[in-house]
C-alpha atoms as a PDB file:
ATOM      1  CA  MET A   1      -0.050  -0.027  -0.161  1.00  0.00           C
ATOM      2  CA  GLY A   2       1.313   3.509  -0.853  1.00  0.00           C
ATOM      3  CA  HIS A   3       1.616   6.515   1.245  1.00  0.00           C
ATOM      4  CA  LEU A   4       2.802   9.649   0.896  1.00  0.00           C
ATOM      5  CA  ILE A   5       2.768  12.393   4.328  1.00  0.00           C
ATOM      6  CA  SER A   6       3.505  15.811   3.671  1.00  0.00           C
ATOM      7  CA  SER A   7       2.207  19.413   5.019  1.00  0.00           C
ATOM      8  CA  SER A   8       2.500  20.267   1.301  1.00  0.00           C
ATOM      9  CA  ILE A   9      -0.677  19.452  -0.920  1.00  0.00           C
ATOM     10  CA  ASN A  10       1.482  20.043  -3.980  1.00  0.00           C
ATOM     11  CA  ASP A  11       3.941  18.191  -2.980  1.00  0.00           C
ATOM     12  CA  LEU A  12       1.442  15.479  -2.648  1.00  0.00           C
ATOM     13  CA  TYR A  13       0.141  15.949  -5.670  1.00  0.00           C
ATOM     14  CA  ILE A  14       2.909  16.079  -7.551  1.00  0.00           C
ATOM     15  CA  ASN A  15       4.550  12.747  -5.908  1.00  0.00           C
ATOM     16  CA  GLY A  16       0.849  10.883  -6.421  1.00  0.00           C
ATOM     17  CA  LEU A  17       1.204  11.285 -10.214  1.00  0.00           C
ATOM     18  CA  ARG A  18       4.614  10.332 -10.601  1.00  0.00           C
ATOM     19  CA  GLU A  19       3.873   6.984  -8.084  1.00  0.00           C
ATOM     20  CA  ILE A  20       1.076   6.143 -10.398  1.00  0.00           C
ATOM     21  CA  ILE A  21       3.402   6.830 -13.565  1.00  0.00           C
ATOM     22  CA  ASN A  22       6.427   4.633 -12.536  1.00  0.00           C
ATOM     23  CA  GLU A  23       4.621   2.114 -10.596  1.00  0.00           C
ATOM     24  CA  GLY A  24       1.433   1.872 -10.916  1.00  0.00           C
ATOM     25  CA  GLN A  25      -0.948  -0.908 -13.535  1.00  0.00           C
ATOM     26  CA  LEU A  26      -2.535  -0.278 -16.478  1.00  0.00           C
ATOM     27  CA  VAL A  27      -5.744  -1.018 -16.720  1.00  0.00           C
ATOM     28  CA  ASP A  28      -8.254  -1.711 -19.190  1.00  0.00           C
ATOM     29  CA  PRO A  29     -11.052   0.777 -19.864  1.00  0.00           C
ATOM     30  CA  VAL A  30     -14.255   0.627 -17.437  1.00  0.00           C
ATOM     31  CA  VAL A  31     -17.129  -0.665 -19.886  1.00  0.00           C
ATOM     32  CA  ASP A  32     -19.971   0.825 -17.490  1.00  0.00           C
ATOM     33  CA  LEU A  33     -22.246   3.152 -19.549  1.00  0.00           C
ATOM     34  CA  THR A  34     -23.156   4.989 -16.071  1.00  0.00           C
ATOM     35  CA  SER A  35     -19.587   5.632 -15.165  1.00  0.00           C
ATOM     36  CA  PRO A  36     -18.004   8.976 -14.981  1.00  0.00           C
ATOM     37  CA  GLY A  37     -14.907   7.427 -16.251  1.00  0.00           C
ATOM     38  CA  TYR A  38     -17.379   5.919 -19.626  1.00  0.00           C
ATOM     39  CA  SER A  39     -18.950   8.740 -20.752  1.00  0.00           C
ATOM     40  CA  ARG A  40     -16.676  11.938 -19.610  1.00  0.00           C
ATOM     41  CA  GLN A  41     -14.713  11.289 -23.139  1.00  0.00           C
ATOM     42  CA  VAL A  42     -12.120   9.274 -21.734  1.00  0.00           C
ATOM     43  CA  ARG A  43     -14.517   5.771 -22.907  1.00  0.00           C
ATOM     44  CA  SER A  44     -11.823   4.614 -25.066  1.00  0.00           C
ATOM     45  CA  SER A  45      -9.116   5.192 -22.534  1.00  0.00           C
ATOM     46  CA  CYS A  46      -7.011   2.775 -20.297  1.00  0.00           C
ATOM     47  CA  PHE A  47      -5.935   3.791 -16.523  1.00  0.00           C
ATOM     48  CA  ILE A  48      -2.860   3.581 -14.794  1.00  0.00           C
ATOM     49  CA  GLU A  49      -3.778   2.952 -11.372  1.00  0.00           C
ATOM     50  CA  LEU A  50      -2.351   2.215  -7.608  1.00  0.00           C
ATOM     51  CA  SER A  51      -5.008   0.306  -5.245  1.00  0.00           C
ATOM     52  CA  PRO A  52      -4.645   1.308  -2.596  1.00  0.00           C
ATOM     53  CA  PHE A  53      -3.368   4.246  -2.052  1.00  0.00           C
ATOM     54  CA  THR A  54      -3.011   7.173   0.918  1.00  0.00           C
ATOM     55  CA  LEU A  55      -2.074  10.631   1.306  1.00  0.00           C
ATOM     56  CA  THR A  56      -1.615  12.344   4.971  1.00  0.00           C
ATOM     57  CA  LEU A  57      -1.815  16.131   5.002  1.00  0.00           C
ATOM     58  CA  THR A  58      -0.339  17.868   7.813  1.00  0.00           C
ATOM     59  CA  ASN A  59      -1.376  20.761   7.625  1.00  0.00           C
ATOM     60  CA  PRO A  60      -5.238  20.933   5.846  1.00  0.00           C
ATOM     61  CA  ARG A  61      -5.357  24.502   5.003  1.00  0.00           C
ATOM     62  CA  ASN A  62      -2.805  23.886   2.605  1.00  0.00           C
ATOM     63  CA  ARG A  63      -5.193  22.440   0.150  1.00  0.00           C
ATOM     64  CA  ILE A  64      -5.493  23.992  -2.686  1.00  0.00           C
ATOM     65  CA  ILE A  65      -3.124  22.187  -5.833  1.00  0.00           C
ATOM     66  CA  THR A  66      -1.944  25.138  -7.689  1.00  0.00           C
ATOM     67  CA  ALA A  67      -0.355  22.651  -9.844  1.00  0.00           C
ATOM     68  CA  LYS A  68      -3.545  21.991 -11.164  1.00  0.00           C
ATOM     69  CA  MET A  69      -5.856  24.971  -9.853  1.00  0.00           C
ATOM     70  CA  PRO A  70      -9.250  24.106  -9.568  1.00  0.00           C
ATOM     71  CA  ASP A  71     -12.023  26.198 -10.725  1.00  0.00           C
ATOM     72  CA  ILE A  72     -12.558  28.105  -7.102  1.00  0.00           C
ATOM     73  CA  PHE A  73     -16.858  28.457  -8.115  1.00  0.00           C
ATOM     74  CA  ASN A  74     -17.096  25.239  -8.305  1.00  0.00           C
ATOM     75  CA  ALA A  75     -15.024  24.101  -5.409  1.00  0.00           C
ATOM     76  CA  ILE A  76     -16.786  26.580  -3.204  1.00  0.00           C
ATOM     77  CA  GLY A  77     -20.413  25.652  -4.290  1.00  0.00           C
ATOM     78  CA  MET A  78     -19.320  22.147  -3.664  1.00  0.00           C
ATOM     79  CA  TRP A  79     -18.727  22.835   0.147  1.00  0.00           C
ATOM     80  CA  PHE A  80     -22.220  25.068   0.262  1.00  0.00           C
ATOM     81  CA  TRP A  81     -23.613  21.835  -1.377  1.00  0.00           C
ATOM     82  CA  PHE A  82     -22.120  19.177   1.022  1.00  0.00           C
ATOM     83  CA  VAL A  83     -22.542  20.921   4.438  1.00  0.00           C
ATOM     84  CA  LYS A  84     -25.964  22.373   3.429  1.00  0.00           C
ATOM     85  CA  GLY A  85     -27.296  19.211   2.416  1.00  0.00           C
ATOM     86  CA  ASP A  86     -28.863  20.557  -0.872  1.00  0.00           C
ATOM     87  CA  ASN A  87     -29.818  18.277  -3.574  1.00  0.00           C
ATOM     88  CA  SER A  88     -31.767  20.975  -5.755  1.00  0.00           C
ATOM     89  CA  LYS A  89     -30.697  20.803  -9.307  1.00  0.00           C
ATOM     90  CA  ASP A  90     -30.177  24.336  -8.927  1.00  0.00           C
ATOM     91  CA  GLY A  91     -27.718  24.305  -5.939  1.00  0.00           C
ATOM     92  CA  ILE A  92     -25.045  22.679  -8.006  1.00  0.00           C
ATOM     93  CA  THR A  93     -25.797  23.621 -11.734  1.00  0.00           C
ATOM     94  CA  PHE A  94     -25.385  27.631 -10.581  1.00  0.00           C
ATOM     95  CA  TYR A  95     -21.513  26.677  -9.890  1.00  0.00           C
ATOM     96  CA  ASN A  96     -20.863  24.270 -12.500  1.00  0.00           C
ATOM     97  CA  PRO A  97     -23.893  23.866 -15.380  1.00  0.00           C
ATOM     98  CA  LEU A  98     -21.706  20.368 -16.540  1.00  0.00           C
ATOM     99  CA  SER A  99     -22.763  18.672 -13.059  1.00  0.00           C
ATOM    100  CA  SER A 100     -26.237  17.532 -14.889  1.00  0.00           C
ATOM    101  CA  LYS A 101     -24.606  15.555 -16.975  1.00  0.00           C
ATOM    102  CA  PHE A 102     -23.189  13.200 -14.612  1.00  0.00           C
ATOM    103  CA  ILE A 103     -26.190  13.395 -11.838  1.00  0.00           C
ATOM    104  CA  ASP A 104     -29.635  12.000 -12.478  1.00  0.00           C
ATOM    105  CA  VAL A 105     -31.828  14.312 -12.681  1.00  0.00           C
ATOM    106  CA  ASP A 106     -35.854  14.501 -11.390  1.00  0.00           C
ATOM    107  CA  VAL A 107     -37.106  17.527 -13.970  1.00  0.00           C
ATOM    108  CA  ASP A 108     -40.589  17.722 -11.630  1.00  0.00           C
ATOM    109  CA  LYS A 109     -38.924  17.804  -8.545  1.00  0.00           C
ATOM    110  CA  ASN A 110     -35.959  20.440  -9.538  1.00  0.00           C
ATOM    111  CA  CYS A 111     -34.019  17.925  -7.378  1.00  0.00           C
ATOM    112  CA  PHE A 112     -31.057  15.331  -8.659  1.00  0.00           C
ATOM    113  CA  TYR A 113     -31.674  11.549  -7.015  1.00  0.00           C
ATOM    114  CA  GLY A 114     -28.985  10.368  -5.319  1.00  0.00           C
ATOM    115  CA  VAL A 115     -27.135  13.192  -4.730  1.00  0.00           C
ATOM    116  CA  TRP A 116     -24.288  12.259  -1.973  1.00  0.00           C
ATOM    117  CA  GLY A 117     -23.302  15.590  -0.993  1.00  0.00           C
ATOM    118  CA  TYR A 118     -27.309  15.574   0.959  1.00  0.00           C
ATOM    119  CA  ARG A 119     -26.247  12.001   2.545  1.00  0.00           C
ATOM    120  CA  ALA A 120     -23.810  14.025   4.751  1.00  0.00           C
ATOM    121  CA  LYS A 121     -25.788  17.039   6.641  1.00  0.00           C
ATOM    122  CA  ASN A 122     -27.703  14.828   8.735  1.00  0.00           C
ATOM    123  CA  TYR A 123     -24.605  12.784   9.524  1.00  0.00           C
ATOM    124  CA  ILE A 124     -22.015  15.336   9.805  1.00  0.00           C
ATOM    125  CA  GLN A 125     -24.280  17.289  13.268  1.00  0.00           C
ATOM    126  CA  LYS A 126     -24.579  13.718  14.503  1.00  0.00           C
ATOM    127  CA  GLY A 127     -20.500  13.271  14.450  1.00  0.00           C
ATOM    128  CA  ILE A 128     -20.591  16.989  15.879  1.00  0.00           C
ATOM    129  CA  GLU A 129     -22.853  15.987  18.811  1.00  0.00           C
ATOM    130  CA  ILE A 130     -21.135  12.604  19.499  1.00  0.00           C
ATOM    131  CA  LEU A 131     -17.504  14.673  19.662  1.00  0.00           C
ATOM    132  CA  LYS A 132     -19.021  17.142  22.010  1.00  0.00           C
ATOM    133  CA  ASP A 133     -20.113  14.708  24.318  1.00  0.00           C
ATOM    134  CA  ASP A 134     -17.417  11.811  23.697  1.00  0.00           C
ATOM    135  CA  PRO A 135     -14.409  12.764  21.525  1.00  0.00           C
ATOM    136  CA  THR A 136     -12.557   9.333  22.733  1.00  0.00           C
ATOM    137  CA  SER A 137     -15.296   7.664  20.494  1.00  0.00           C
ATOM    138  CA  ARG A 138     -14.124   5.712  17.744  1.00  0.00           C
ATOM    139  CA  ARG A 139     -17.568   4.990  15.961  1.00  0.00           C
ATOM    140  CA  ILE A 140     -17.933   9.012  14.420  1.00  0.00           C
ATOM    141  CA  TYR A 141     -18.060   7.570  10.979  1.00  0.00           C
ATOM    142  CA  ILE A 142     -19.939   9.646   7.913  1.00  0.00           C
ATOM    143  CA  PRO A 143     -21.484   7.257   5.551  1.00  0.00           C
ATOM    144  CA  ILE A 144     -21.599   8.353   1.928  1.00  0.00           C
ATOM    145  CA  PHE A 145     -21.823   5.364  -0.296  1.00  0.00           C
ATOM    146  CA  TYR A 146     -25.001   3.194   1.176  1.00  0.00           C
ATOM    147  CA  PRO A 147     -25.725  -0.699   0.940  1.00  0.00           C
ATOM    148  CA  GLU A 148     -28.439   0.044  -1.573  1.00  0.00           C
ATOM    149  CA  ASP A 149     -26.224   1.212  -3.890  1.00  0.00           C
ATOM    150  CA  VAL A 150     -24.048  -1.774  -4.996  1.00  0.00           C
ATOM    151  CA  GLY A 151     -24.876  -2.665  -8.257  1.00  0.00           C
ATOM    152  CA  TYR A 152     -27.059   0.415  -8.742  1.00  0.00           C
ATOM    153  CA  GLN A 153     -26.853   1.914 -12.570  1.00  0.00           C
ATOM    154  CA  SER A 154     -26.592   5.443 -11.702  1.00  0.00           C
ATOM    155  CA  LEU A 155     -25.086   8.135 -13.366  1.00  0.00           C
ATOM    156  CA  ASN A 156     -23.882  10.112  -9.741  1.00  0.00           C
ATOM    157  CA  LEU A 157     -22.838   6.477  -8.037  1.00  0.00           C
ATOM    158  CA  PRO A 158     -20.974   8.153  -5.072  1.00  0.00           C
ATOM    159  CA  CYS A 159     -16.985   8.093  -5.076  1.00  0.00           C
ATOM    160  CA  LEU A 160     -16.843   9.002  -1.645  1.00  0.00           C
ATOM    161  CA  ILE A 161     -17.595   5.877   0.437  1.00  0.00           C
ATOM    162  CA  GLY A 162     -17.146   7.923   4.003  1.00  0.00           C
ATOM    163  CA  MET A 163     -15.678   9.983   6.443  1.00  0.00           C
ATOM    164  CA  HIS A 164     -14.068   8.637   9.770  1.00  0.00           C
ATOM    165  CA  LEU A 165     -13.725  11.179  12.831  1.00  0.00           C
ATOM    166  CA  LEU A 166     -10.977  10.652  14.944  1.00  0.00           C
ATOM    167  CA  VAL A 167      -9.497  12.639  18.437  1.00  0.00           C
ATOM    168  CA  ARG A 168      -6.084  12.229  18.708  1.00  0.00           C
ATOM    169  CA  ASP A 169      -3.419  13.972  20.558  1.00  0.00           C
ATOM    170  CA  LYS A 170      -6.207  16.551  21.261  1.00  0.00           C
ATOM    171  CA  LYS A 171      -6.930  17.276  17.797  1.00  0.00           C
ATOM    172  CA  LEU A 172      -9.572  16.261  15.182  1.00  0.00           C
ATOM    173  CA  ASN A 173      -8.327  13.623  12.471  1.00  0.00           C
ATOM    174  CA  LEU A 174     -10.649  13.340   9.007  1.00  0.00           C
ATOM    175  CA  VAL A 175     -10.142   9.783   6.995  1.00  0.00           C
ATOM    176  CA  VAL A 176     -11.670  10.222   4.051  1.00  0.00           C
ATOM    177  CA  ASN A 177     -12.505   6.685   2.507  1.00  0.00           C
ATOM    178  CA  MET A 178     -12.461   6.619  -1.698  1.00  0.00           C
ATOM    179  CA  ARG A 179     -13.739   4.264  -3.824  1.00  0.00           C
ATOM    180  CA  SER A 180     -12.729   6.032  -6.469  1.00  0.00           C
ATOM    181  CA  SER A 181     -10.462   9.073  -7.316  1.00  0.00           C
ATOM    182  CA  ASN A 182      -9.370  10.262 -10.347  1.00  0.00           C
ATOM    183  CA  ALA A 183      -5.286  11.473  -9.434  1.00  0.00           C
ATOM    184  CA  TYR A 184      -4.974  14.462 -11.687  1.00  0.00           C
ATOM    185  CA  ASN A 185      -8.692  16.279 -12.591  1.00  0.00           C
ATOM    186  CA  VAL A 186     -10.817  15.344  -9.848  1.00  0.00           C
ATOM    187  CA  LEU A 187      -7.984  15.192  -6.479  1.00  0.00           C
ATOM    188  CA  PRO A 188      -7.908  19.193  -6.376  1.00  0.00           C
ATOM    189  CA  TYR A 189     -11.910  19.207  -5.967  1.00  0.00           C
ATOM    190  CA  ASP A 190     -11.734  16.490  -3.875  1.00  0.00           C
ATOM    191  CA  ILE A 191      -8.786  17.918  -1.089  1.00  0.00           C
ATOM    192  CA  PHE A 192     -10.066  21.229  -1.162  1.00  0.00           C
ATOM    193  CA  VAL A 193     -14.256  20.427  -0.676  1.00  0.00           C
ATOM    194  CA  MET A 194     -13.168  17.560   1.825  1.00  0.00           C
ATOM    195  CA  SER A 195     -10.223  19.274   4.062  1.00  0.00           C
ATOM    196  CA  LEU A 196     -12.646  22.353   4.602  1.00  0.00           C
ATOM    197  CA  VAL A 197     -15.603  20.145   5.483  1.00  0.00           C
ATOM    198  CA  HIS A 198     -12.789  18.803   7.668  1.00  0.00           C
ATOM    199  CA  GLU A 199     -11.912  22.248   9.735  1.00  0.00           C
ATOM    200  CA  TYR A 200     -15.915  23.196   9.375  1.00  0.00           C
ATOM    201  CA  ILE A 201     -16.213  20.378  11.846  1.00  0.00           C
ATOM    202  CA  SER A 202     -13.233  21.496  13.879  1.00  0.00           C
ATOM    203  CA  VAL A 203     -14.692  24.812  13.975  1.00  0.00           C
ATOM    204  CA  LEU A 204     -18.179  23.843  15.475  1.00  0.00           C
ATOM    205  CA  THR A 205     -16.677  21.174  18.088  1.00  0.00           C
ATOM    206  CA  LYS A 206     -13.866  23.478  19.064  1.00  0.00           C
ATOM    207  CA  ILE A 207     -11.408  20.981  18.620  1.00  0.00           C
ATOM    208  CA  PRO A 208      -7.650  21.914  17.321  1.00  0.00           C
ATOM    209  CA  LEU A 209      -7.525  21.196  13.474  1.00  0.00           C
ATOM    210  CA  GLY A 210      -5.394  17.700  13.006  1.00  0.00           C
ATOM    211  CA  THR A 211      -3.973  15.661   9.790  1.00  0.00           C
ATOM    212  CA  PHE A 212      -6.225  14.936   7.141  1.00  0.00           C
ATOM    213  CA  HIS A 213      -5.752  11.221   5.236  1.00  0.00           C
ATOM    214  CA  PHE A 214      -6.974  10.741   2.147  1.00  0.00           C
ATOM    215  CA  VAL A 215      -7.302   6.719   1.300  1.00  0.00           C
ATOM    216  CA  ALA A 216      -8.192   5.898  -2.659  1.00  0.00           C
ATOM    217  CA  ASN A 217      -8.837   2.186  -3.210  1.00  0.00           C
ATOM    218  CA  SER A 218      -8.667   2.652  -7.204  1.00  0.00           C
ATOM    219  CA  PHE A 219      -6.035   5.477  -7.029  1.00  0.00           C
ATOM    220  CA  HIS A 220      -5.603   6.472 -11.149  1.00  0.00           C
ATOM    221  CA  ILE A 221      -5.094   8.604 -13.804  1.00  0.00           C
ATOM    222  CA  TYR A 222      -6.204   8.248 -17.692  1.00  0.00           C
ATOM    223  CA  THR A 223      -3.561   7.556 -20.547  1.00  0.00           C
ATOM    224  CA  LYS A 224      -5.486   9.587 -22.440  1.00  0.00           C
ATOM    225  CA  TYR A 225      -3.693  12.319 -20.382  1.00  0.00           C
ATOM    226  CA  LEU A 226      -0.656  10.727 -19.910  1.00  0.00           C
ATOM    227  CA  GLU A 227       2.008  13.098 -21.896  1.00  0.00           C
ATOM    228  CA  GLU A 228       0.300  16.224 -19.840  1.00  0.00           C
ATOM    229  CA  ILE A 229       0.657  15.165 -16.710  1.00  0.00           C
ATOM    230  CA  LYS A 230       4.605  13.783 -17.464  1.00  0.00           C
ATOM    231  CA  GLN A 231       5.117  17.228 -18.583  1.00  0.00           C
ATOM    232  CA  LEU A 232       3.602  18.248 -15.003  1.00  0.00           C
ATOM    233  CA  THR A 233       5.715  15.561 -13.196  1.00  0.00           C
ATOM    234  CA  ILE A 234       9.036  16.640 -14.526  1.00  0.00           C
ATOM    235  CA  SER A 235       8.144  20.279 -14.307  1.00  0.00           C
ATOM    236  CA  LYS A 236      10.961  22.048 -11.777  1.00  0.00           C
ATOM    237  CA  ASN A 237       8.688  24.660 -11.230  1.00  0.00           C
ATOM    238  CA  SER A 238       7.532  25.165  -7.614  1.00  0.00           C
ATOM    239  CA  TYR A 239       4.070  25.182  -6.782  1.00  0.00           C
ATOM    240  CA  ASP A 240       4.291  25.857  -3.268  1.00  0.00           C
ATOM    241  CA  ASP A 241       3.177  29.791  -2.318  1.00  0.00           C
ATOM    242  CA  PRO A 242       2.593  30.594   1.432  1.00  0.00           C
ATOM    243  CA  PHE A 243      -0.369  32.732  -0.266  1.00  0.00           C
ATOM    244  CA  TYR A 244      -2.300  29.954  -1.142  1.00  0.00           C
ATOM    245  CA  VAL A 245      -2.413  28.760   2.205  1.00  0.00           C
ATOM    246  CA  MET A 246      -6.000  29.301   3.374  1.00  0.00           C
ATOM    247  CA  PRO A 247      -6.116  31.179   7.054  1.00  0.00           C
ATOM    248  CA  LYS A 248      -7.710  29.830   9.980  1.00  0.00           C
ATOM    249  CA  MET A 249     -11.489  29.423   9.417  1.00  0.00           C
ATOM    250  CA  ILE A 250     -13.789  31.293  11.821  1.00  0.00           C
ATOM    251  CA  GLU A 251     -16.524  30.585  13.287  1.00  0.00           C
ATOM    252  CA  ASP A 252     -19.750  32.584  12.638  1.00  0.00           C
ATOM    253  CA  ASP A 253     -23.284  32.710  11.935  1.00  0.00           C
ATOM    254  CA  PHE A 254     -23.651  29.608   9.616  1.00  0.00           C
ATOM    255  CA  GLU A 255     -27.153  30.522   9.130  1.00  0.00           C
ATOM    256  CA  LYS A 256     -26.578  33.883   7.800  1.00  0.00           C
ATOM    257  CA  ILE A 257     -23.869  32.573   5.509  1.00  0.00           C
ATOM    258  CA  PHE A 258     -26.059  29.760   4.253  1.00  0.00           C
ATOM    259  CA  GLU A 259     -28.927  32.338   3.941  1.00  0.00           C
ATOM    260  CA  VAL A 260     -27.206  34.988   1.943  1.00  0.00           C
ATOM    261  CA  GLU A 261     -25.496  32.246  -0.149  1.00  0.00           C
ATOM    262  CA  SER A 262     -29.390  31.051  -0.938  1.00  0.00           C
ATOM    263  CA  ASN A 263     -30.484  34.593  -1.781  1.00  0.00           C
ATOM    264  CA  ILE A 264     -27.373  35.399  -4.265  1.00  0.00           C
ATOM    265  CA  LYS A 265     -28.028  31.984  -6.508  1.00  0.00           C
ATOM    266  CA  LYS A 266     -31.809  32.539  -6.350  1.00  0.00           C
ATOM    267  CA  ASN A 267     -31.741  35.784  -7.263  1.00  0.00           C
ATOM    268  CA  LYS A 268     -33.691  37.547  -4.729  1.00  0.00           C
ATOM    269  CA  TYR A 269     -31.877  40.717  -4.364  1.00  0.00           C
ATOM    270  CA  VAL A 270     -33.226  43.293  -5.727  1.00  0.00           C
ATOM    271  CA  SER A 271     -29.992  45.773  -7.195  1.00  0.00           C
ATOM    272  CA  ILE A 272     -26.708  44.393  -6.872  1.00  0.00           C
ATOM    273  CA  ASN A 273     -25.775  47.037  -4.637  1.00  0.00           C
ATOM    274  CA  LYS A 274     -27.893  45.508  -2.275  1.00  0.00           C
ATOM    275  CA  VAL A 275     -26.006  42.263  -2.152  1.00  0.00           C
ATOM    276  CA  LEU A 276     -22.671  44.283  -1.078  1.00  0.00           C
ATOM    277  CA  GLU A 277     -24.565  46.096   1.490  1.00  0.00           C
ATOM    278  CA  ASP A 278     -25.668  42.845   2.951  1.00  0.00           C
ATOM    279  CA  ILE A 279     -22.476  40.895   2.808  1.00  0.00           C
ATOM    280  CA  ASP A 280     -20.736  44.459   4.048  1.00  0.00           C
ATOM    281  CA  THR A 281     -23.135  45.861   6.792  1.00  0.00           C
ATOM    282  CA  SER A 282     -23.064  41.977   8.545  1.00  0.00           C
ATOM    283  CA  SER A 283     -21.484  41.030  11.399  1.00  0.00           C
ATOM    284  CA  LEU A 284     -19.659  38.408   9.625  1.00  0.00           C
ATOM    285  CA  THR A 285     -16.013  37.723   9.821  1.00  0.00           C
ATOM    286  CA  SER A 286     -13.894  38.935   6.739  1.00  0.00           C
ATOM    287  CA  TYR A 287     -13.073  35.275   5.437  1.00  0.00           C
ATOM    288  CA  TRP A 288     -16.735  34.412   5.561  1.00  0.00           C
ATOM    289  CA  LYS A 289     -17.495  37.836   3.498  1.00  0.00           C
ATOM    290  CA  ASP A 290     -14.531  36.811   0.872  1.00  0.00           C
ATOM    291  CA  ILE A 291     -16.141  33.366   0.678  1.00  0.00           C
ATOM    292  CA  LEU A 292     -19.738  35.203  -0.029  1.00  0.00           C
ATOM    293  CA  LEU A 293     -18.148  37.446  -2.848  1.00  0.00           C
ATOM    294  CA  ILE A 294     -16.591  34.463  -5.073  1.00  0.00           C
ATOM    295  CA  VAL A 295     -20.529  33.395  -5.105  1.00  0.00           C
ATOM    296  CA  PHE A 296     -21.886  37.141  -5.797  1.00  0.00           C
ATOM    297  CA  ALA A 297     -18.496  37.141  -8.643  1.00  0.00           C
ATOM    298  CA  ARG A 298     -20.444  34.000 -10.279  1.00  0.00           C
ATOM    299  CA  TYR A 299     -23.613  35.600 -10.057  1.00  0.00           C
ATOM    300  CA  LEU A 300     -22.165  38.519 -12.099  1.00  0.00           C
ATOM    301  CA  TYR A 301     -20.228  36.036 -14.521  1.00  0.00           C
ATOM    302  CA  ILE A 302     -23.643  33.587 -15.102  1.00  0.00           C
ATOM    303  CA  ASN A 303     -25.967  36.985 -15.607  1.00  0.00           C
ATOM    304  CA  GLY A 304     -23.936  38.302 -18.359  1.00  0.00           C
ATOM    305  CA  LEU A 305     -23.310  41.752 -15.813  1.00  0.00           C
ATOM    306  CA  ASN A 306     -19.980  43.326 -16.359  1.00  0.00           C
ATOM    307  CA  PRO A 307     -18.081  40.062 -17.786  1.00  0.00           C
ATOM    308  CA  SER A 308     -15.067  42.422 -17.140  1.00  0.00           C
ATOM    309  CA  ILE A 309     -15.687  42.670 -13.268  1.00  0.00           C
ATOM    310  CA  ALA A 310     -16.766  39.017 -13.524  1.00  0.00           C
ATOM    311  CA  SER A 311     -13.414  37.724 -15.067  1.00  0.00           C
ATOM    312  CA  GLU A 312     -11.082  39.958 -12.559  1.00  0.00           C
ATOM    313  CA  PHE A 313     -13.232  38.501  -9.754  1.00  0.00           C
ATOM    314  CA  MET A 314     -12.482  34.752 -11.172  1.00  0.00           C
ATOM    315  CA  LYS A 315      -8.582  35.590 -11.026  1.00  0.00           C
ATOM    316  CA  LEU A 316      -8.903  35.531  -7.339  1.00  0.00           C
ATOM    317  CA  ASN A 317      -9.678  33.113  -4.747  1.00  0.00           C
ATOM    318  CA  PRO A 318     -10.869  33.451  -1.020  1.00  0.00           C
ATOM    319  CA  LEU A 319      -7.878  33.791   0.514  1.00  0.00           C
ATOM    320  CA  LYS A 320      -7.024  36.758  -1.109  1.00  0.00           C
ATOM    321  CA  ARG A 321      -9.011  40.030   0.264  1.00  0.00           C
ATOM    322  CA  ILE A 322     -11.052  41.085  -2.573  1.00  0.00           C
ATOM    323  CA  VAL A 323     -11.425  44.723  -1.593  1.00  0.00           C
ATOM    324  CA  SER A 324      -7.167  44.712  -2.029  1.00  0.00           C
ATOM    325  CA  ASN A 325      -7.574  44.304  -5.635  1.00  0.00           C
ATOM    326  CA  LEU A 326     -11.000  45.489  -6.606  1.00  0.00           C
ATOM    327  CA  ASN A 327     -12.332  48.165  -4.193  1.00  0.00           C
ATOM    328  CA  ARG A 328     -16.188  47.500  -3.411  1.00  0.00           C
ATOM    329  CA  GLU A 329     -16.976  51.165  -4.174  1.00  0.00           C
ATOM    330  CA  GLU A 330     -15.999  50.749  -7.471  1.00  0.00           C
ATOM    331  CA  ILE A 331     -18.530  47.902  -7.924  1.00  0.00           C
ATOM    332  CA  LYS A 332     -20.914  49.642  -7.510  1.00  0.00           C
ATOM    333  CA  ILE A 333     -19.969  52.825  -9.471  1.00  0.00           C
ATOM    334  CA  ARG A 334     -19.127  50.011 -12.474  1.00  0.00           C
ATOM    335  CA  THR A 335     -22.365  47.690 -11.908  1.00  0.00           C
ATOM    336  CA  GLY A 336     -24.821  50.535 -11.161  1.00  0.00           C
END
């Protein structure tokens, strides 16, 4: 069983890809028509796999893989979708319109069937309650892959099996168990979202953030992308930058945060300025105001409102104070 340990997510990412290239086994293409590996234009592509493989990130706030930068809108959206337990169609397509191609949709109910993020919410809450009452427990497991999923033909069968919360050395560790992990294209999102969920639980339980473990039963890359992956792994570029280590998450009024995020997505604000006013005048910390400004930028982009402003936002991420790059008064002038 392969295992890499580092405080740097970029080191884990690059070295994980190298391990697959050097030590992985060539496997025939999948034939399941509902598998993302079949449907995402890699249907004729074999894949190279390590099974199983573990990545251990000792600093979970170092979660942004700059070597393969994730779409920040999609990454933030997946976190909201996960912790809110949202299974509405618009809940995730607002951030990633392509998601509807890979998820079973009930058009009449405007919802996604079997969406695994929706499964997590109640178990996360239960886990938080147990941790507060008995932090020594080894029974706090958040299941995502259900028994009825075995053999079920679906576009959105969970790749995530579940998450195990463990307190060790007075810190909260998280072990993420993956059925399948696309190490090149999808891992940057999985690490970002799951480590942010990890810190979210740490904040709500007031247990210091510990180590993040990512265990994949199938840790793979597709041969279709082999040459570009090789170029990435032989690059002499250093992808580590302290700027991309996210600051400590701060406990806040999460109900208010979720309300503003939902209102932006549902276009419930009478004007763009009202969005900014609601964010600015709230008692929320700068950490969460910045996250909500990312949601606001997505709103600007998909509604075709001043694409130049939206594109400037798109170059940013939740760690950089947006006001230092695009003054909010300037936004009001240019969008008013």
